[in-house]
C-alpha cells in the first residue's frame, strides 16, 4: 500500500501525527526485522526499532516525504552500527584487562563497571560528526578517505573530527584508543 504522504515527493512540511502513525504502521515490522537481521537479538531489535521511530518523530520537520522509507532504514542501520561499535569497544577493554586480572576479582568487576559507564557517557557526548568518524575508523577500520567519501566531506574534515574525538576520549578517560 502506497501512502498518500509519498505521492507529494520533495515535500518538507512537518509530518502530522496521523501521517507519522501511517508510516509507523507500514514500516515498523520491516525495520525491526532489518535490525534483527543485523544484530541477531530480538530484544535489541525491538529497542532500536523504537529508537528509530523516535528519531523520525524528532526530525519530522526535516524529512522529505518521498524518501521517508530510506530515511528510516538509514536511521535503523546507524543506530545498530553505533550500538555494536560501543559493544566492541567495551569488549576490547575487557580483553585487555583480562590478560592482567582475573574476572572474579572484585576490584576488576568494579573497574569494569566504572569504565563501561564512563565510556558510554563519553561516546554519547561526542559531537555527532566526531562520534561517527571515530566509530567508523576505530571499530570498522575504515580509512579516512573512505569515510570522507561516505559522508560527503573532505579528508581534512575527517581528520579534524577524529582529532576532536580522540582528544575528548583522552581527556575524559585518560586512555589512548
N, C-alpha and C. Protein backbone atom coordinates (compact mmCIF):
# COMPACT_ATOMS: atom_id res chain seq x y z
N UNK A 1 0.85 -1.18 0.00
CA UNK A 1 0.00 0.00 0.00
C UNK A 1 0.89 1.24 0.00
N UNK A 2 0.72 2.09 -0.97
CA UNK A 2 1.46 3.34 -1.04
C UNK A 2 0.67 4.40 -0.29
N UNK A 3 1.33 5.04 0.64
CA UNK A 3 0.66 6.06 1.44
C UNK A 3 0.58 7.38 0.70
N UNK A 4 -0.41 8.15 1.04
CA UNK A 4 -0.61 9.44 0.39
C UNK A 4 0.55 10.40 0.64
N UNK A 5 1.29 10.25 1.74
CA UNK A 5 2.38 11.18 2.02
C UNK A 5 3.54 10.98 1.06
N UNK A 6 3.62 9.81 0.40
CA UNK A 6 4.71 9.55 -0.52
C UNK A 6 4.43 10.12 -1.91
N UNK A 7 3.20 10.44 -2.19
CA UNK A 7 2.83 10.90 -3.53
C UNK A 7 3.28 12.33 -3.81
N UNK A 8 3.43 13.12 -2.77
CA UNK A 8 3.75 14.52 -2.98
C UNK A 8 5.21 14.74 -3.36
N UNK A 9 6.14 13.88 -2.95
CA UNK A 9 7.55 13.94 -3.31
C UNK A 9 8.18 15.31 -3.09
N UNK A 10 9.29 15.35 -2.41
CA UNK A 10 10.00 16.59 -2.19
C UNK A 10 9.30 17.55 -1.25
N UNK A 11 8.37 17.07 -0.47
CA UNK A 11 7.60 17.93 0.43
C UNK A 11 8.22 17.86 1.82
N UNK A 12 8.72 19.00 2.29
CA UNK A 12 9.38 19.05 3.59
C UNK A 12 8.50 19.63 4.69
N UNK A 13 7.21 19.68 4.50
CA UNK A 13 6.36 20.14 5.60
C UNK A 13 6.33 19.07 6.69
N UNK A 14 6.11 19.50 7.89
CA UNK A 14 6.18 18.60 9.04
C UNK A 14 5.16 17.47 8.93
N UNK A 15 5.60 16.25 9.30
CA UNK A 15 4.69 15.10 9.34
C UNK A 15 3.64 15.34 10.42
N UNK A 16 2.41 15.09 10.10
CA UNK A 16 1.35 15.20 11.10
C UNK A 16 1.35 13.93 11.94
N UNK A 17 0.74 13.95 13.10
CA UNK A 17 0.66 12.72 13.90
C UNK A 17 -0.02 11.58 13.13
N UNK A 18 -1.02 11.90 12.32
CA UNK A 18 -1.70 10.87 11.55
C UNK A 18 -0.75 10.26 10.51
N UNK A 19 0.01 11.11 9.82
CA UNK A 19 0.96 10.62 8.83
C UNK A 19 2.05 9.79 9.49
N UNK A 20 2.51 10.25 10.65
CA UNK A 20 3.51 9.51 11.39
C UNK A 20 2.98 8.12 11.75
N UNK A 21 1.74 8.05 12.20
CA UNK A 21 1.14 6.77 12.55
C UNK A 21 1.06 5.86 11.33
N UNK A 22 0.74 6.42 10.17
CA UNK A 22 0.69 5.62 8.94
C UNK A 22 2.07 5.06 8.60
N UNK A 23 3.09 5.88 8.72
CA UNK A 23 4.46 5.44 8.45
C UNK A 23 4.84 4.35 9.45
N UNK A 24 4.53 4.58 10.72
CA UNK A 24 4.85 3.60 11.75
C UNK A 24 4.16 2.26 11.45
N UNK A 25 2.87 2.30 11.16
CA UNK A 25 2.13 1.07 10.88
C UNK A 25 2.68 0.33 9.68
N UNK A 26 3.08 1.07 8.66
CA UNK A 26 3.55 0.43 7.43
C UNK A 26 4.96 -0.14 7.57
N UNK A 27 5.84 0.52 8.31
CA UNK A 27 7.25 0.15 8.28
C UNK A 27 7.82 -0.44 9.56
N UNK A 28 7.12 -0.39 10.67
CA UNK A 28 7.71 -0.81 11.94
C UNK A 28 8.22 -2.25 11.90
N UNK A 29 7.39 -3.19 11.46
CA UNK A 29 7.79 -4.59 11.45
C UNK A 29 8.99 -4.84 10.53
N UNK A 30 9.02 -4.15 9.40
CA UNK A 30 10.14 -4.31 8.48
C UNK A 30 11.43 -3.75 9.08
N UNK A 31 11.34 -2.61 9.73
CA UNK A 31 12.51 -2.01 10.36
C UNK A 31 13.02 -2.91 11.49
N UNK A 32 12.12 -3.43 12.29
CA UNK A 32 12.52 -4.32 13.38
C UNK A 32 13.20 -5.57 12.81
N UNK A 33 12.65 -6.13 11.73
CA UNK A 33 13.25 -7.30 11.09
C UNK A 33 14.63 -7.00 10.52
N UNK A 34 14.77 -5.84 9.93
CA UNK A 34 16.06 -5.41 9.38
C UNK A 34 17.11 -5.34 10.48
N UNK A 35 16.76 -4.74 11.60
CA UNK A 35 17.70 -4.62 12.72
C UNK A 35 18.02 -6.00 13.29
N UNK A 36 17.00 -6.85 13.41
CA UNK A 36 17.21 -8.20 13.94
C UNK A 36 18.19 -8.96 13.04
N UNK A 37 18.04 -8.79 11.73
CA UNK A 37 18.94 -9.45 10.78
C UNK A 37 20.38 -8.99 11.01
N UNK A 38 20.57 -7.72 11.36
CA UNK A 38 21.91 -7.18 11.56
C UNK A 38 22.52 -7.58 12.91
N UNK A 39 21.68 -7.70 13.96
CA UNK A 39 22.24 -7.91 15.29
C UNK A 39 21.93 -9.29 15.89
N UNK A 40 20.87 -9.95 15.42
CA UNK A 40 20.55 -11.28 15.92
C UNK A 40 19.96 -11.31 17.32
N UNK A 41 19.49 -10.20 17.82
CA UNK A 41 18.94 -10.11 19.17
C UNK A 41 17.55 -9.48 19.08
N UNK A 42 16.53 -10.26 19.39
CA UNK A 42 15.15 -9.80 19.24
C UNK A 42 14.84 -8.59 20.14
N UNK A 43 15.27 -8.64 21.39
CA UNK A 43 15.00 -7.52 22.30
C UNK A 43 15.72 -6.25 21.86
N UNK A 44 16.96 -6.41 21.45
CA UNK A 44 17.72 -5.26 20.96
C UNK A 44 17.06 -4.70 19.70
N UNK A 45 16.61 -5.58 18.81
CA UNK A 45 15.95 -5.14 17.58
C UNK A 45 14.70 -4.33 17.91
N UNK A 46 13.94 -4.77 18.89
CA UNK A 46 12.74 -4.06 19.32
C UNK A 46 13.10 -2.67 19.85
N UNK A 47 14.12 -2.62 20.71
CA UNK A 47 14.55 -1.34 21.29
C UNK A 47 15.04 -0.37 20.22
N UNK A 48 15.88 -0.85 19.32
CA UNK A 48 16.44 0.02 18.29
C UNK A 48 15.38 0.43 17.27
N UNK A 49 14.41 -0.43 17.00
CA UNK A 49 13.32 -0.04 16.10
C UNK A 49 12.51 1.10 16.73
N UNK A 50 12.26 0.99 18.01
CA UNK A 50 11.55 2.08 18.70
C UNK A 50 12.37 3.36 18.67
N UNK A 51 13.67 3.25 18.89
CA UNK A 51 14.54 4.42 18.83
C UNK A 51 14.54 5.04 17.43
N UNK A 52 14.45 4.20 16.41
CA UNK A 52 14.39 4.68 15.02
C UNK A 52 13.18 5.57 14.82
N UNK A 53 12.03 5.13 15.31
CA UNK A 53 10.82 5.92 15.13
C UNK A 53 10.78 7.15 16.04
N UNK A 54 11.48 7.08 17.15
CA UNK A 54 11.61 8.27 17.99
C UNK A 54 12.41 9.33 17.22
N UNK A 55 13.51 8.91 16.59
CA UNK A 55 14.30 9.85 15.78
C UNK A 55 13.48 10.40 14.62
N UNK A 56 12.66 9.56 14.01
CA UNK A 56 11.80 10.04 12.92
C UNK A 56 10.88 11.14 13.45
N UNK A 57 10.29 10.92 14.59
CA UNK A 57 9.39 11.91 15.17
C UNK A 57 10.14 13.20 15.51
N UNK A 58 11.33 13.05 16.10
CA UNK A 58 12.10 14.23 16.46
C UNK A 58 12.50 15.06 15.24
N UNK A 59 12.68 14.40 14.11
CA UNK A 59 13.11 15.09 12.89
C UNK A 59 11.99 15.22 11.86
N UNK A 60 10.77 15.15 12.32
CA UNK A 60 9.61 15.13 11.41
C UNK A 60 9.49 16.36 10.52
N UNK A 61 10.10 17.46 10.91
CA UNK A 61 10.01 18.67 10.10
C UNK A 61 11.11 18.74 9.04
N UNK A 62 12.08 17.83 9.09
CA UNK A 62 13.21 17.86 8.17
C UNK A 62 13.16 16.72 7.15
N UNK A 63 12.06 16.01 7.07
CA UNK A 63 12.00 14.79 6.26
C UNK A 63 11.33 15.05 4.92
N UNK A 64 11.99 14.61 3.87
CA UNK A 64 11.40 14.63 2.53
C UNK A 64 10.48 13.41 2.46
N UNK A 65 9.23 13.63 2.29
CA UNK A 65 8.25 12.55 2.31
C UNK A 65 8.55 11.47 1.25
N UNK A 66 9.17 11.85 0.16
CA UNK A 66 9.44 10.87 -0.88
C UNK A 66 10.57 9.90 -0.50
N UNK A 67 11.32 10.23 0.55
CA UNK A 67 12.45 9.37 0.95
C UNK A 67 12.31 8.87 2.39
N UNK A 68 11.13 8.89 2.94
CA UNK A 68 10.96 8.51 4.35
C UNK A 68 11.36 7.06 4.59
N UNK A 69 11.11 6.18 3.65
CA UNK A 69 11.47 4.77 3.83
C UNK A 69 12.99 4.61 3.93
N UNK A 70 13.72 5.20 3.00
CA UNK A 70 15.18 5.08 3.05
C UNK A 70 15.73 5.79 4.28
N UNK A 71 15.09 6.88 4.68
CA UNK A 71 15.50 7.60 5.88
C UNK A 71 15.38 6.69 7.11
N UNK A 72 14.29 5.95 7.20
CA UNK A 72 14.09 5.03 8.32
C UNK A 72 15.18 3.95 8.34
N UNK A 73 15.46 3.37 7.18
CA UNK A 73 16.48 2.33 7.13
C UNK A 73 17.87 2.89 7.45
N UNK A 74 18.13 4.11 7.05
CA UNK A 74 19.41 4.74 7.38
C UNK A 74 19.53 4.94 8.89
N UNK A 75 18.48 5.45 9.49
CA UNK A 75 18.48 5.63 10.95
C UNK A 75 18.69 4.29 11.65
N UNK A 76 17.92 3.29 11.24
CA UNK A 76 18.00 1.97 11.87
C UNK A 76 19.40 1.38 11.72
N UNK A 77 19.96 1.50 10.54
CA UNK A 77 21.31 0.98 10.31
C UNK A 77 22.34 1.69 11.17
N UNK A 78 22.25 3.02 11.23
CA UNK A 78 23.20 3.79 12.03
C UNK A 78 23.08 3.49 13.52
N UNK A 79 21.85 3.38 14.02
CA UNK A 79 21.66 3.05 15.43
C UNK A 79 22.24 1.68 15.76
N UNK A 80 22.02 0.72 14.86
CA UNK A 80 22.54 -0.63 15.07
C UNK A 80 24.05 -0.64 15.05
N UNK A 81 24.64 0.01 14.07
CA UNK A 81 26.10 0.08 13.96
C UNK A 81 26.69 0.75 15.20
N UNK A 82 26.11 1.87 15.61
CA UNK A 82 26.63 2.58 16.79
C UNK A 82 26.56 1.70 18.03
N UNK A 83 25.46 0.97 18.21
CA UNK A 83 25.33 0.08 19.37
C UNK A 83 26.40 -1.01 19.32
N UNK A 84 26.55 -1.63 18.16
CA UNK A 84 27.52 -2.72 18.04
C UNK A 84 28.94 -2.21 18.23
N UNK A 85 29.22 -1.00 17.78
CA UNK A 85 30.55 -0.43 17.96
C UNK A 85 30.83 -0.16 19.43
N UNK A 86 29.84 0.33 20.15
CA UNK A 86 30.03 0.55 21.59
C UNK A 86 30.33 -0.77 22.29
N UNK A 87 29.61 -1.82 21.88
CA UNK A 87 29.85 -3.13 22.47
C UNK A 87 31.27 -3.61 22.15
N UNK A 88 31.71 -3.37 20.93
CA UNK A 88 33.04 -3.78 20.53
C UNK A 88 34.10 -3.06 21.34
N UNK A 89 33.92 -1.77 21.59
CA UNK A 89 34.86 -1.02 22.43
C UNK A 89 34.91 -1.60 23.84
N UNK A 90 33.74 -1.92 24.35
CA UNK A 90 33.67 -2.48 25.70
C UNK A 90 34.41 -3.82 25.75
N UNK A 91 34.22 -4.67 24.74
CA UNK A 91 34.89 -5.97 24.73
C UNK A 91 36.40 -5.82 24.56
N UNK A 92 36.82 -4.83 23.81
CA UNK A 92 38.24 -4.58 23.63
C UNK A 92 38.87 -4.24 24.99
N UNK A 93 38.20 -3.40 25.75
CA UNK A 93 38.69 -3.04 27.08
C UNK A 93 38.74 -4.26 27.98
N UNK A 94 37.69 -5.09 27.96
CA UNK A 94 37.64 -6.29 28.80
C UNK A 94 38.79 -7.21 28.44
N UNK A 95 39.00 -7.44 27.17
CA UNK A 95 40.06 -8.35 26.75
C UNK A 95 41.44 -7.85 27.17
N UNK A 96 41.67 -6.56 27.11
CA UNK A 96 42.96 -6.01 27.54
C UNK A 96 43.17 -6.23 29.04
N UNK A 97 42.11 -6.05 29.82
CA UNK A 97 42.24 -6.18 31.26
C UNK A 97 42.20 -7.62 31.73
N UNK A 98 41.60 -8.52 30.97
CA UNK A 98 41.57 -9.93 31.36
C UNK A 98 42.97 -10.52 31.35
N UNK A 99 43.82 -10.01 30.49
CA UNK A 99 45.18 -10.51 30.44
C UNK A 99 45.93 -10.19 31.72
N UNK A 100 45.55 -9.12 32.39
CA UNK A 100 46.25 -8.69 33.60
C UNK A 100 45.54 -9.13 34.89
N UNK A 101 44.25 -9.41 34.80
CA UNK A 101 43.46 -9.62 36.01
C UNK A 101 42.44 -10.73 35.80
N UNK A 102 42.11 -11.40 36.86
CA UNK A 102 41.03 -12.39 36.80
C UNK A 102 39.69 -11.69 36.84
N UNK A 103 38.70 -12.30 36.14
CA UNK A 103 37.36 -11.72 36.11
C UNK A 103 36.69 -11.73 37.48
N UNK A 104 36.99 -12.71 38.26
CA UNK A 104 36.30 -12.84 39.55
C UNK A 104 36.82 -11.87 40.60
N UNK A 105 37.88 -11.19 40.30
CA UNK A 105 38.46 -10.22 41.22
C UNK A 105 37.46 -9.06 41.39
N UNK A 106 37.01 -8.80 42.62
CA UNK A 106 36.04 -7.73 42.84
C UNK A 106 36.53 -6.36 42.35
N UNK A 107 37.81 -6.12 42.48
CA UNK A 107 38.37 -4.85 42.02
C UNK A 107 38.20 -4.71 40.49
N UNK A 108 38.43 -5.80 39.77
CA UNK A 108 38.27 -5.79 38.32
C UNK A 108 36.82 -5.55 37.94
N UNK A 109 35.90 -6.19 38.61
CA UNK A 109 34.47 -6.05 38.32
C UNK A 109 34.03 -4.60 38.53
N UNK A 110 34.46 -4.02 39.61
CA UNK A 110 34.13 -2.62 39.89
C UNK A 110 34.76 -1.70 38.84
N UNK A 111 36.00 -1.95 38.51
CA UNK A 111 36.69 -1.14 37.50
C UNK A 111 35.97 -1.25 36.15
N UNK A 112 35.53 -2.44 35.80
CA UNK A 112 34.82 -2.65 34.53
C UNK A 112 33.52 -1.84 34.49
N UNK A 113 32.77 -1.90 35.56
CA UNK A 113 31.50 -1.16 35.62
C UNK A 113 31.74 0.34 35.50
N UNK A 114 32.74 0.82 36.20
CA UNK A 114 33.05 2.25 36.13
C UNK A 114 33.51 2.65 34.74
N UNK A 115 34.37 1.83 34.14
CA UNK A 115 34.87 2.14 32.80
C UNK A 115 33.74 2.11 31.77
N UNK A 116 32.89 1.10 31.87
CA UNK A 116 31.77 0.98 30.93
C UNK A 116 30.87 2.21 31.00
N UNK A 117 30.56 2.64 32.20
CA UNK A 117 29.72 3.83 32.35
C UNK A 117 30.41 5.07 31.80
N UNK A 118 31.70 5.22 32.10
CA UNK A 118 32.44 6.37 31.59
C UNK A 118 32.53 6.34 30.07
N UNK A 119 32.82 5.17 29.52
CA UNK A 119 32.96 5.03 28.07
C UNK A 119 31.67 5.37 27.35
N UNK A 120 30.57 4.81 27.84
CA UNK A 120 29.27 5.12 27.22
C UNK A 120 28.97 6.61 27.31
N UNK A 121 29.24 7.17 28.45
CA UNK A 121 28.99 8.60 28.62
C UNK A 121 29.83 9.46 27.69
N UNK A 122 31.10 9.11 27.57
CA UNK A 122 31.99 9.89 26.70
C UNK A 122 31.57 9.75 25.24
N UNK A 123 31.29 8.54 24.80
CA UNK A 123 30.87 8.34 23.40
C UNK A 123 29.58 9.09 23.11
N UNK A 124 28.66 9.08 24.05
CA UNK A 124 27.39 9.78 23.85
C UNK A 124 27.58 11.29 23.80
N UNK A 125 28.59 11.80 24.49
CA UNK A 125 28.79 13.25 24.50
C UNK A 125 29.62 13.75 23.32
N UNK A 126 30.24 12.84 22.59
CA UNK A 126 30.99 13.27 21.41
C UNK A 126 30.04 13.94 20.44
N UNK A 127 30.49 15.00 19.79
CA UNK A 127 29.66 15.60 18.75
C UNK A 127 29.35 14.54 17.68
N UNK A 128 28.17 14.61 17.10
CA UNK A 128 27.70 13.57 16.16
C UNK A 128 28.74 13.25 15.09
N UNK A 129 29.29 14.27 14.45
CA UNK A 129 30.25 14.04 13.38
C UNK A 129 31.51 13.36 13.89
N UNK A 130 32.00 13.78 15.03
CA UNK A 130 33.21 13.18 15.61
C UNK A 130 32.94 11.73 16.02
N UNK A 131 31.79 11.49 16.62
CA UNK A 131 31.43 10.14 17.04
C UNK A 131 31.36 9.21 15.83
N UNK A 132 30.71 9.67 14.79
CA UNK A 132 30.54 8.86 13.59
C UNK A 132 31.91 8.51 12.97
N UNK A 133 32.77 9.50 12.83
CA UNK A 133 34.10 9.28 12.25
C UNK A 133 34.91 8.35 13.15
N UNK A 134 34.89 8.59 14.45
CA UNK A 134 35.64 7.76 15.39
C UNK A 134 35.22 6.30 15.30
N UNK A 135 33.92 6.06 15.34
CA UNK A 135 33.43 4.68 15.30
C UNK A 135 33.73 4.00 13.97
N UNK A 136 33.58 4.74 12.88
CA UNK A 136 33.86 4.16 11.57
C UNK A 136 35.34 3.78 11.44
N UNK A 137 36.22 4.64 11.92
CA UNK A 137 37.66 4.39 11.78
C UNK A 137 38.16 3.36 12.78
N UNK A 138 37.85 3.54 14.03
CA UNK A 138 38.44 2.69 15.07
C UNK A 138 37.79 1.32 15.21
N UNK A 139 36.51 1.22 14.88
CA UNK A 139 35.86 -0.07 15.06
C UNK A 139 35.65 -0.82 13.76
N UNK A 140 35.45 -0.11 12.68
CA UNK A 140 35.26 -0.77 11.39
C UNK A 140 36.53 -0.74 10.56
N UNK A 141 37.58 -0.07 11.04
CA UNK A 141 38.85 0.06 10.33
C UNK A 141 38.68 0.66 8.94
N UNK A 142 37.79 1.63 8.83
CA UNK A 142 37.59 2.32 7.55
C UNK A 142 38.60 3.46 7.46
N UNK A 143 39.27 3.57 6.35
CA UNK A 143 40.28 4.61 6.14
C UNK A 143 39.62 5.98 6.00
N UNK A 144 40.37 7.02 6.35
CA UNK A 144 39.85 8.39 6.31
C UNK A 144 39.27 8.73 4.94
N UNK A 145 39.95 8.34 3.89
CA UNK A 145 39.50 8.64 2.53
C UNK A 145 38.11 8.03 2.28
N UNK A 146 37.92 6.78 2.71
CA UNK A 146 36.63 6.12 2.51
C UNK A 146 35.53 6.74 3.39
N UNK A 147 35.91 7.15 4.59
CA UNK A 147 34.95 7.83 5.46
C UNK A 147 34.51 9.14 4.81
N UNK A 148 35.48 9.88 4.29
CA UNK A 148 35.18 11.15 3.63
C UNK A 148 34.21 10.95 2.47
N UNK A 149 34.43 9.91 1.68
CA UNK A 149 33.53 9.62 0.56
C UNK A 149 32.13 9.26 1.05
N UNK A 150 32.06 8.42 2.06
CA UNK A 150 30.75 8.01 2.60
C UNK A 150 29.96 9.19 3.15
N UNK A 151 30.67 10.08 3.83
CA UNK A 151 29.99 11.20 4.49
C UNK A 151 29.87 12.43 3.60
N UNK A 152 30.55 12.41 2.47
CA UNK A 152 30.50 13.55 1.56
C UNK A 152 31.23 14.77 2.10
N UNK A 153 32.35 14.52 2.79
CA UNK A 153 33.16 15.60 3.35
C UNK A 153 34.61 15.40 2.91
N UNK A 154 35.46 16.36 3.20
CA UNK A 154 36.87 16.25 2.82
C UNK A 154 37.63 15.37 3.83
N UNK A 155 38.78 14.87 3.39
CA UNK A 155 39.63 14.07 4.27
C UNK A 155 40.09 14.94 5.45
N UNK A 156 40.36 16.21 5.19
CA UNK A 156 40.76 17.13 6.27
C UNK A 156 39.67 17.25 7.34
N UNK A 157 38.41 17.28 6.89
CA UNK A 157 37.30 17.35 7.84
C UNK A 157 37.24 16.07 8.68
N UNK A 158 37.50 14.92 8.05
CA UNK A 158 37.53 13.65 8.78
C UNK A 158 38.65 13.69 9.82
N UNK A 159 39.83 14.17 9.41
CA UNK A 159 40.95 14.25 10.34
C UNK A 159 40.64 15.16 11.53
N UNK A 160 40.00 16.26 11.25
CA UNK A 160 39.66 17.20 12.32
C UNK A 160 38.65 16.58 13.30
N UNK A 161 37.63 15.91 12.75
CA UNK A 161 36.64 15.25 13.61
C UNK A 161 37.27 14.15 14.46
N UNK A 162 38.17 13.38 13.86
CA UNK A 162 38.83 12.30 14.58
C UNK A 162 39.71 12.87 15.68
N UNK A 163 40.44 13.91 15.37
CA UNK A 163 41.30 14.55 16.36
C UNK A 163 40.48 15.04 17.55
N UNK A 164 39.34 15.63 17.27
CA UNK A 164 38.47 16.13 18.33
C UNK A 164 37.96 14.98 19.20
N UNK A 165 37.54 13.87 18.55
CA UNK A 165 37.03 12.71 19.29
C UNK A 165 38.11 12.12 20.18
N UNK A 166 39.31 11.95 19.64
CA UNK A 166 40.40 11.36 20.41
C UNK A 166 40.79 12.25 21.59
N UNK A 167 40.80 13.54 21.39
CA UNK A 167 41.13 14.46 22.49
C UNK A 167 40.09 14.35 23.60
N UNK A 168 38.82 14.31 23.24
CA UNK A 168 37.77 14.21 24.25
C UNK A 168 37.90 12.90 25.02
N UNK A 169 38.14 11.81 24.31
CA UNK A 169 38.27 10.49 24.97
C UNK A 169 39.50 10.47 25.87
N UNK A 170 40.61 10.95 25.35
CA UNK A 170 41.86 11.01 26.13
C UNK A 170 41.66 11.83 27.40
N UNK A 171 41.07 13.01 27.25
CA UNK A 171 40.85 13.88 28.39
C UNK A 171 39.89 13.29 29.41
N UNK A 172 38.87 12.60 28.92
CA UNK A 172 37.83 12.08 29.80
C UNK A 172 38.23 10.77 30.47
N UNK A 173 38.88 9.88 29.73
CA UNK A 173 39.17 8.55 30.27
C UNK A 173 40.64 8.35 30.63
N UNK A 174 41.48 9.23 30.12
CA UNK A 174 42.90 9.07 30.40
C UNK A 174 43.53 7.90 29.67
N UNK A 175 42.92 7.47 28.55
CA UNK A 175 43.47 6.36 27.76
C UNK A 175 43.57 6.78 26.31
N UNK A 176 44.55 6.18 25.64
CA UNK A 176 44.70 6.39 24.20
C UNK A 176 44.01 5.22 23.50
N UNK A 177 43.09 5.54 22.62
CA UNK A 177 42.38 4.49 21.89
C UNK A 177 42.82 4.51 20.46
